[in-house]
């Protein structure tokens, strides 16, 4: 179906795309791939990684595991929840809390925006159950749900930049917090790209979540208006009808091309969207786009300077770092991104890097791969004398 599968009962509804927008830019009903890594496989990878780094005479302990966080976490509607986060209670509580907080700022519901054009019917019942539960307990407001349906009821509205920025902030910041909470003294280091900076500002406690939503709303409105003006000019050149639907589909197609790396568009930060940031409690690495070298952000002025570099171009997957790319002296170990996102191609499930798309994958990563960075406790002298050739085995719990 060119229009996808709508959660509001609009099954089979077709919305005619404008001139130049072909079927490849319109979603069809599909099954979302969910990676299912095995504990045995992770143990084997950890052992191989330890042996490989010893062979190359590199330090295998005391190096934080670097996790790359792309500008957007997910690519398609309902993808974040379909990957298993609905079944991870701790993560779901964080997500719910931020959905409520975001609705108080925006006036519309992120959960409805994220799920109303779900393309995998297998998850319909689970999503409906969560929605009903949250409605009964008051987490979701009918007024916010109705506003989300009014604003984003058309399939092409899913690529409205303002809404995508808020949606991404809710899920991405929640998952970053969840990973940190489950690390259990395992050293982690985040490298965020482009608009993922907003999630990192919340994670580092440099910016409150409400303030970050405000930045996303102002910046997203600025970029949406710029894209609308570009769409008008495109339709003029094609002598096509400048209807609301045609303009919407043209903007949808433009964003889809950027996300897939098929088009380049630079839209910079709006001065009205800037916010004052506090010094971060947790420093992190940042790149304006995937092509730029990362820099370490540690102070409030650095945070504000980084915000000034935000650009829609960061949504492009171009210039992906290789698996062994060094960041602050450590190698990339994981990618916090959904499997359908084009940036996921940078992670090949090699010895060095892993796709942290599901709760199971993230926990196995923390248990077997990220834990290599933990500095082992010094053994007693007596033990060292009796067992001078003993080695630490990396087998996991």
Protein backbone atom coordinates (compact mmCIF):
# COMPACT_ATOMS: atom_id res chain seq x y z
CA UNK A 1 0.00 0.00 0.00
CA UNK A 2 1.50 3.38 -0.94
CA UNK A 3 0.02 4.92 2.17
CA UNK A 4 1.08 2.17 4.56
CA UNK A 5 -1.12 0.55 7.20
CA UNK A 6 -2.88 3.04 9.42
CA UNK A 7 -3.68 2.25 13.05
CA UNK A 8 -6.89 4.29 12.88
CA UNK A 9 -8.74 1.73 10.80
CA UNK A 10 -7.81 3.21 7.44
CA UNK A 11 -6.76 -0.17 6.09
CA UNK A 12 -6.26 -0.14 2.37
CA UNK A 13 -6.47 3.66 2.10
CA UNK A 14 -4.37 5.02 -0.74
CA UNK A 15 -3.02 8.53 -0.89
CA UNK A 16 -1.83 9.60 -4.31
CA UNK A 17 1.79 10.80 -4.24
CA UNK A 18 2.77 13.80 -6.36
CA UNK A 19 4.69 13.78 -9.59
CA UNK A 20 8.14 12.29 -9.11
CA UNK A 21 7.34 10.39 -5.92
CA UNK A 22 7.35 6.71 -6.85
CA UNK A 23 6.28 3.64 -4.92
CA UNK A 24 9.77 3.17 -3.47
CA UNK A 25 9.10 6.18 -1.23
CA UNK A 26 5.79 4.85 0.05
CA UNK A 27 5.75 2.30 2.85
CA UNK A 28 4.14 -1.10 2.56
CA UNK A 29 2.99 -3.53 5.20
CA UNK A 30 6.00 -5.52 6.38
CA UNK A 31 7.47 -7.56 9.19
CA UNK A 32 10.07 -5.75 11.25
CA UNK A 33 13.31 -7.74 11.64
CA UNK A 34 14.23 -8.28 15.28
CA UNK A 35 17.85 -9.38 15.87
CA UNK A 36 18.10 -12.37 18.22
CA UNK A 37 21.71 -12.65 19.36
CA UNK A 38 22.66 -15.66 21.44
CA UNK A 39 24.45 -15.64 24.78
CA UNK A 40 26.88 -18.23 23.45
CA UNK A 41 27.67 -16.05 20.47
CA UNK A 42 28.38 -13.03 22.63
CA UNK A 43 30.68 -15.05 24.90
CA UNK A 44 32.58 -16.30 21.86
CA UNK A 45 32.87 -12.79 20.41
CA UNK A 46 34.16 -11.44 23.73
CA UNK A 47 36.81 -14.16 23.94
CA UNK A 48 37.85 -13.57 20.34
CA UNK A 49 38.03 -9.81 20.95
CA UNK A 50 40.24 -10.30 24.00
CA UNK A 51 42.59 -12.59 22.09
CA UNK A 52 42.70 -10.27 19.07
CA UNK A 53 43.66 -7.22 21.12
CA UNK A 54 46.32 -9.18 23.00
CA UNK A 55 47.71 -10.26 19.64
CA UNK A 56 47.94 -6.63 18.57
CA UNK A 57 49.42 -5.70 21.97
CA UNK A 58 46.69 -3.18 22.74
CA UNK A 59 45.33 -2.48 26.20
CA UNK A 60 42.33 -4.72 26.84
CA UNK A 61 41.31 -3.42 30.26
CA UNK A 62 40.40 0.03 31.49
CA UNK A 63 39.07 1.29 28.13
CA UNK A 64 35.43 2.40 28.12
CA UNK A 65 33.21 0.81 25.50
CA UNK A 66 32.30 3.43 22.91
CA UNK A 67 28.67 3.39 21.76
CA UNK A 68 27.77 5.43 18.68
CA UNK A 69 24.36 7.13 18.80
CA UNK A 70 23.21 8.28 15.32
CA UNK A 71 21.08 11.39 14.79
CA UNK A 72 17.89 9.29 14.72
CA UNK A 73 17.33 5.98 16.50
CA UNK A 74 14.56 4.50 14.34
CA UNK A 75 13.60 4.74 10.67
CA UNK A 76 9.95 3.65 10.46
CA UNK A 77 6.74 4.03 12.52
CA UNK A 78 6.44 1.90 15.67
CA UNK A 79 9.87 0.42 15.06
CA UNK A 80 11.27 1.34 18.48
CA UNK A 81 8.48 -0.42 20.39
CA UNK A 82 8.30 -3.36 17.97
CA UNK A 83 11.91 -4.29 18.80
CA UNK A 84 10.97 -5.48 22.25
CA UNK A 85 11.08 -2.35 24.39
CA UNK A 86 7.36 -2.83 25.14
CA UNK A 87 8.38 -5.94 27.09
CA UNK A 88 11.24 -4.30 28.99
CA UNK A 89 9.51 -2.84 32.04
CA UNK A 90 12.30 -0.50 33.18
CA UNK A 91 12.72 0.98 29.70
CA UNK A 92 8.96 1.24 29.20
CA UNK A 93 8.60 3.21 32.43
CA UNK A 94 11.26 5.69 31.31
CA UNK A 95 9.64 5.99 27.89
CA UNK A 96 6.18 6.50 29.42
CA UNK A 97 7.44 9.17 31.78
CA UNK A 98 8.98 11.13 28.90
CA UNK A 99 5.94 10.67 26.66
CA UNK A 100 3.85 12.32 29.40
CA UNK A 101 6.40 15.13 29.85
CA UNK A 102 6.63 15.75 26.10
CA UNK A 103 2.84 15.95 25.73
CA UNK A 104 2.73 18.68 28.38
CA UNK A 105 5.07 20.78 26.22
CA UNK A 106 3.86 19.92 22.71
CA UNK A 107 0.13 19.35 23.23
CA UNK A 108 0.20 16.10 21.21
CA UNK A 109 0.99 12.48 22.10
CA UNK A 110 4.30 10.91 21.01
CA UNK A 111 2.98 7.36 21.49
CA UNK A 112 0.15 7.99 19.02
CA UNK A 113 2.51 9.65 16.55
CA UNK A 114 4.96 6.75 16.78
CA UNK A 115 2.41 3.94 16.42
CA UNK A 116 -0.58 5.16 14.38
CA UNK A 117 1.04 4.17 11.06
CA UNK A 118 2.42 0.87 12.32
CA UNK A 119 3.42 -1.33 9.38
CA UNK A 120 3.76 -4.65 11.21
CA UNK A 121 0.29 -6.03 12.09
CA UNK A 122 1.87 -8.56 14.47
CA UNK A 123 2.37 -5.79 17.02
CA UNK A 124 -1.13 -4.33 16.72
CA UNK A 125 -2.54 -6.12 19.75
CA UNK A 126 0.46 -5.36 21.97
CA UNK A 127 0.46 -1.69 21.06
CA UNK A 128 -3.32 -1.51 21.60
CA UNK A 129 -2.97 -3.16 25.02
CA UNK A 130 -0.30 -0.68 26.14
CA UNK A 131 -2.40 2.23 24.84
CA UNK A 132 -5.50 1.02 26.72
CA UNK A 133 -3.51 0.49 29.92
CA UNK A 134 -1.96 3.94 29.76
CA UNK A 135 -5.33 5.51 28.99
CA UNK A 136 -6.94 3.89 32.04
CA UNK A 137 -4.13 4.97 34.35
CA UNK A 138 -4.11 8.50 32.96
CA UNK A 139 -0.69 8.42 31.28
CA UNK A 140 -2.25 9.31 27.93
CA UNK A 141 -4.77 12.11 27.50
CA UNK A 142 -7.53 11.90 24.92
CA UNK A 143 -6.97 15.55 24.04
CA UNK A 144 -3.29 14.91 23.26
CA UNK A 145 -4.14 11.78 21.27
CA UNK A 146 -6.71 13.65 19.20
CA UNK A 147 -4.23 16.45 18.52
CA UNK A 148 -1.60 13.95 17.35
CA UNK A 149 -4.14 12.34 15.02
CA UNK A 150 -5.19 15.72 13.68
CA UNK A 151 -1.63 16.86 12.99
CA UNK A 152 -0.12 13.61 11.80
CA UNK A 153 -3.04 11.53 10.51
CA UNK A 154 -1.69 11.47 6.94
CA UNK A 155 0.98 8.87 6.29
CA UNK A 156 3.40 11.42 4.88
CA UNK A 157 3.19 13.40 8.14
CA UNK A 158 5.44 10.81 9.83
CA UNK A 159 8.45 12.58 8.35
CA UNK A 160 7.56 15.98 9.79
CA UNK A 161 10.89 17.06 11.22
CA UNK A 162 9.49 18.66 14.35
CA UNK A 163 7.60 15.52 15.36
CA UNK A 164 10.51 13.22 14.46
CA UNK A 165 12.87 15.27 16.63
CA UNK A 166 10.55 15.05 19.65
CA UNK A 167 9.88 11.33 19.06
CA UNK A 168 13.59 10.64 18.78
CA UNK A 169 14.36 12.62 21.93
CA UNK A 170 11.84 10.58 23.93
CA UNK A 171 13.10 7.17 22.86
CA UNK A 172 16.79 7.87 22.41
CA UNK A 173 17.32 9.65 25.73
CA UNK A 174 15.34 6.91 27.52
CA UNK A 175 17.50 4.16 26.00
CA UNK A 176 20.72 6.00 26.81
CA UNK A 177 19.61 6.32 30.44
CA UNK A 178 18.55 2.66 30.47
CA UNK A 179 21.95 1.50 29.19
CA UNK A 180 23.75 3.60 31.79
CA UNK A 181 21.53 2.33 34.62
CA UNK A 182 22.22 -1.29 33.63
CA UNK A 183 25.96 -0.85 33.14
CA UNK A 184 26.83 -1.88 36.74
CA UNK A 185 30.24 -0.20 36.89
CA UNK A 186 30.97 -1.11 33.28
CA UNK A 187 32.59 1.98 31.70
CA UNK A 188 30.62 3.34 28.74
CA UNK A 189 31.37 6.25 26.46
CA UNK A 190 28.80 7.74 24.09
CA UNK A 191 29.58 9.30 20.72
CA UNK A 192 26.50 11.14 19.47
CA UNK A 193 25.97 12.41 15.94
CA UNK A 194 24.00 15.50 14.91
CA UNK A 195 20.54 15.87 16.41
CA UNK A 196 21.25 13.04 18.86
CA UNK A 197 22.96 15.85 20.77
CA UNK A 198 19.58 16.75 22.28
CA UNK A 199 19.29 13.27 23.80
CA UNK A 200 22.88 13.46 25.07
CA UNK A 201 22.23 16.84 26.69
CA UNK A 202 19.37 15.27 28.65
CA UNK A 203 21.41 12.15 29.46
CA UNK A 204 24.35 14.26 30.69
CA UNK A 205 22.00 16.47 32.78
CA UNK A 206 23.22 19.51 30.87
CA UNK A 207 19.68 20.34 29.75
CA UNK A 208 16.34 19.41 31.28
CA UNK A 209 14.07 17.18 29.23
CA UNK A 210 11.42 19.91 28.94
CA UNK A 211 14.03 22.39 27.70
CA UNK A 212 15.30 19.87 25.15
CA UNK A 213 11.73 19.34 23.88
CA UNK A 214 11.46 23.11 23.50
CA UNK A 215 14.64 23.18 21.39
CA UNK A 216 13.34 20.31 19.25
CA UNK A 217 10.02 22.09 18.68
CA UNK A 218 11.60 25.40 17.63
CA UNK A 219 14.31 23.81 15.50
CA UNK A 220 11.88 21.35 13.91
CA UNK A 221 9.43 24.12 13.03
CA UNK A 222 12.26 26.07 11.36
CA UNK A 223 13.36 23.07 9.29
CA UNK A 224 9.77 22.10 8.38
CA UNK A 225 9.11 25.62 7.09
CA UNK A 226 12.30 25.50 5.02
CA UNK A 227 11.34 22.12 3.56
CA UNK A 228 7.85 23.39 2.74
CA UNK A 229 9.33 26.32 0.80
CA UNK A 230 11.62 23.92 -1.11
CA UNK A 231 8.64 21.66 -1.91
CA UNK A 232 6.70 24.62 -3.32
CA UNK A 233 9.58 25.49 -5.62
CA UNK A 234 9.91 21.86 -6.72
CA UNK A 235 6.22 21.67 -7.62
CA UNK A 236 6.45 24.96 -9.50
CA UNK A 237 9.27 23.62 -11.64
CA UNK A 238 7.25 20.47 -12.35
CA UNK A 239 4.10 22.51 -13.09
CA UNK A 240 2.30 20.24 -10.63
CA UNK A 241 -0.69 20.95 -8.42
CA UNK A 242 0.39 22.60 -5.16
CA UNK A 243 -2.21 20.87 -3.02
CA UNK A 244 -1.66 20.12 0.66
CA UNK A 245 -1.19 16.41 -0.07
CA UNK A 246 1.27 17.04 -2.89
CA UNK A 247 3.32 19.36 -0.71
CA UNK A 248 3.24 16.78 2.08
CA UNK A 249 4.42 13.97 -0.15
CA UNK A 250 7.21 16.11 -1.59
CA UNK A 251 8.52 16.84 1.92
CA UNK A 252 8.17 13.16 2.82
CA UNK A 253 10.20 12.17 -0.25
CA UNK A 254 12.91 14.73 0.53
CA UNK A 255 13.38 13.47 4.10
CA UNK A 256 13.34 9.85 2.90
CA UNK A 257 16.13 10.64 0.43
CA UNK A 258 18.19 12.32 3.15
CA UNK A 259 17.76 9.38 5.54
CA UNK A 260 18.79 6.93 2.83
CA UNK A 261 21.82 9.01 1.83
CA UNK A 262 20.39 9.71 -1.62
CA UNK A 263 20.23 13.49 -1.23
CA UNK A 264 22.16 16.21 0.57
CA UNK A 265 20.43 19.14 2.23
CA UNK A 266 21.98 21.54 4.71
CA UNK A 267 19.62 23.33 7.09
CA UNK A 268 21.36 24.88 10.06
CA UNK A 269 20.45 25.82 13.61
CA UNK A 270 17.96 28.60 14.29
CA UNK A 271 19.17 31.19 16.78
CA UNK A 272 15.68 31.20 18.35
CA UNK A 273 16.02 27.50 19.22
CA UNK A 274 19.22 27.80 21.27
CA UNK A 275 19.00 27.13 24.99
CA UNK A 276 21.34 27.72 27.90
CA UNK A 277 23.08 24.51 28.97
CA UNK A 278 24.64 23.61 32.30
CA UNK A 279 28.02 21.89 32.65
CA UNK A 280 27.47 18.19 31.93
CA UNK A 281 27.67 15.66 34.73
CA UNK A 282 28.79 13.11 32.12
CA UNK A 283 31.05 14.24 29.26
CA UNK A 284 30.46 12.70 25.82
CA UNK A 285 31.81 12.82 22.27
CA UNK A 286 30.01 14.68 19.51
CA UNK A 287 30.16 14.96 15.72
CA UNK A 288 27.94 17.43 13.79
CA UNK A 289 27.54 14.85 11.00
CA UNK A 290 28.72 11.29 10.40
CA UNK A 291 31.56 12.69 8.25
CA UNK A 292 33.02 14.89 11.01
CA UNK A 293 35.66 13.92 13.53
CA UNK A 294 34.32 13.69 17.11
CA UNK A 295 35.16 16.20 19.83
CA UNK A 296 34.81 15.73 23.59
CA UNK A 297 32.21 18.01 25.22
CA UNK A 298 32.87 18.78 28.90
CA UNK A 299 31.75 22.37 29.60
CA UNK A 300 28.61 24.49 29.24
CA UNK A 301 30.14 26.75 26.51
CA UNK A 302 31.08 23.63 24.55
CA UNK A 303 27.51 22.39 24.80
CA UNK A 304 26.14 25.66 23.45
CA UNK A 305 28.71 25.70 20.66
CA UNK A 306 27.73 22.16 19.74
CA UNK A 307 24.04 23.15 19.58
CA UNK A 308 24.93 25.87 17.07
CA UNK A 309 26.28 23.20 14.70
CA UNK A 310 23.04 21.17 14.54
CA UNK A 311 22.07 20.55 10.93
CA UNK A 312 19.48 18.46 9.11
CA UNK A 313 22.40 17.02 7.14
CA UNK A 314 23.22 14.88 10.19
CA UNK A 315 20.24 12.66 9.30
CA UNK A 316 22.21 11.31 6.34
CA UNK A 317 24.13 8.05 6.95
CA UNK A 318 27.00 9.12 4.68
CA UNK A 319 30.59 8.86 5.85
CA UNK A 320 30.08 6.03 8.35
CA UNK A 321 33.02 5.32 10.61
CA UNK A 322 34.70 1.91 10.17
CA UNK A 323 34.30 -0.66 12.98
CA UNK A 324 37.78 -0.02 14.39
CA UNK A 325 37.56 3.78 14.27
CA UNK A 326 39.29 5.25 17.32
CA UNK A 327 37.35 7.67 19.51
CA UNK A 328 39.28 9.18 22.35
CA UNK A 329 41.67 6.23 22.41
CA UNK A 330 38.96 3.55 22.42
CA UNK A 331 37.30 1.46 19.73
CA UNK A 332 33.63 1.50 18.80
CA UNK A 333 31.89 -1.43 20.46
CA UNK A 334 28.21 -0.78 19.78
CA UNK A 335 25.67 1.17 17.74
CA UNK A 336 22.45 2.36 19.41
CA UNK A 337 20.25 2.23 16.32
CA UNK A 338 17.34 0.18 14.97
CA UNK A 339 18.07 -2.52 12.35
CA UNK A 340 16.00 -0.85 9.61
CA UNK A 341 17.87 2.45 9.89
CA UNK A 342 20.42 2.94 7.07
CA UNK A 343 23.08 3.79 9.67
CA UNK A 344 22.76 0.22 10.98
CA UNK A 345 24.83 -0.88 7.98
CA UNK A 346 27.86 0.50 9.83
CA UNK A 347 27.47 -2.31 12.36
CA UNK A 348 28.20 -5.71 10.85
CA UNK A 349 28.02 -7.72 14.08
CA UNK A 350 31.75 -8.17 13.84
CA UNK A 351 34.15 -8.88 16.68
CA UNK A 352 34.31 -5.14 17.30
CA UNK A 353 30.78 -3.74 17.11
CA UNK A 354 27.20 -4.68 17.90
CA UNK A 355 23.72 -3.40 17.12
CA UNK A 356 22.05 -2.40 20.41
CA UNK A 357 18.52 -2.44 19.00
CA UNK A 358 16.77 -4.78 21.46
CA UNK A 359 16.83 -5.18 25.25
CA UNK A 360 18.35 -8.66 24.94
CA UNK A 361 21.13 -7.48 22.64
CA UNK A 362 21.90 -4.51 24.90
CA UNK A 363 22.11 -6.67 28.05
CA UNK A 364 24.32 -9.26 26.36
CA UNK A 365 26.54 -6.44 25.12
CA UNK A 366 26.90 -5.04 28.63
CA UNK A 367 27.61 -8.49 30.10
CA UNK A 368 30.16 -9.73 27.59
CA UNK A 369 31.60 -6.91 25.49
CA UNK A 370 31.43 -3.64 27.40
CA UNK A 371 32.66 -5.44 30.52
CA UNK A 372 36.06 -5.87 28.85
CA UNK A 373 36.67 -2.24 29.76
CA UNK A 374 36.28 -2.91 33.47
CA UNK A 375 39.56 -2.70 35.37
CA UNK A 376 39.95 -5.97 37.31
CA UNK A 377 40.53 -5.89 41.03
CA UNK A 378 44.15 -6.48 42.00
CA UNK A 379 44.72 -10.04 43.19
CA UNK A 380 46.29 -10.64 46.62
CA UNK A 381 50.08 -11.09 46.64
CA UNK A 382 49.74 -14.65 47.92
CA UNK A 383 47.48 -15.54 45.00
CA UNK A 384 49.88 -13.94 42.56
CA UNK A 385 52.78 -15.96 43.97
CA UNK A 386 50.90 -19.25 43.87
CA UNK A 387 49.34 -18.73 40.44
CA UNK A 388 51.71 -16.55 38.45
CA UNK A 389 50.30 -17.67 35.10
CA UNK A 390 46.59 -17.34 35.91
CA UNK A 391 44.50 -15.35 33.47
CA UNK A 392 41.14 -13.66 33.57
CA UNK A 393 38.56 -15.67 31.68
CA UNK A 394 35.90 -13.75 29.80
CA UNK A 395 32.96 -16.11 29.83
CA UNK A 396 30.16 -13.94 31.18
CA UNK A 397 27.80 -14.76 34.00
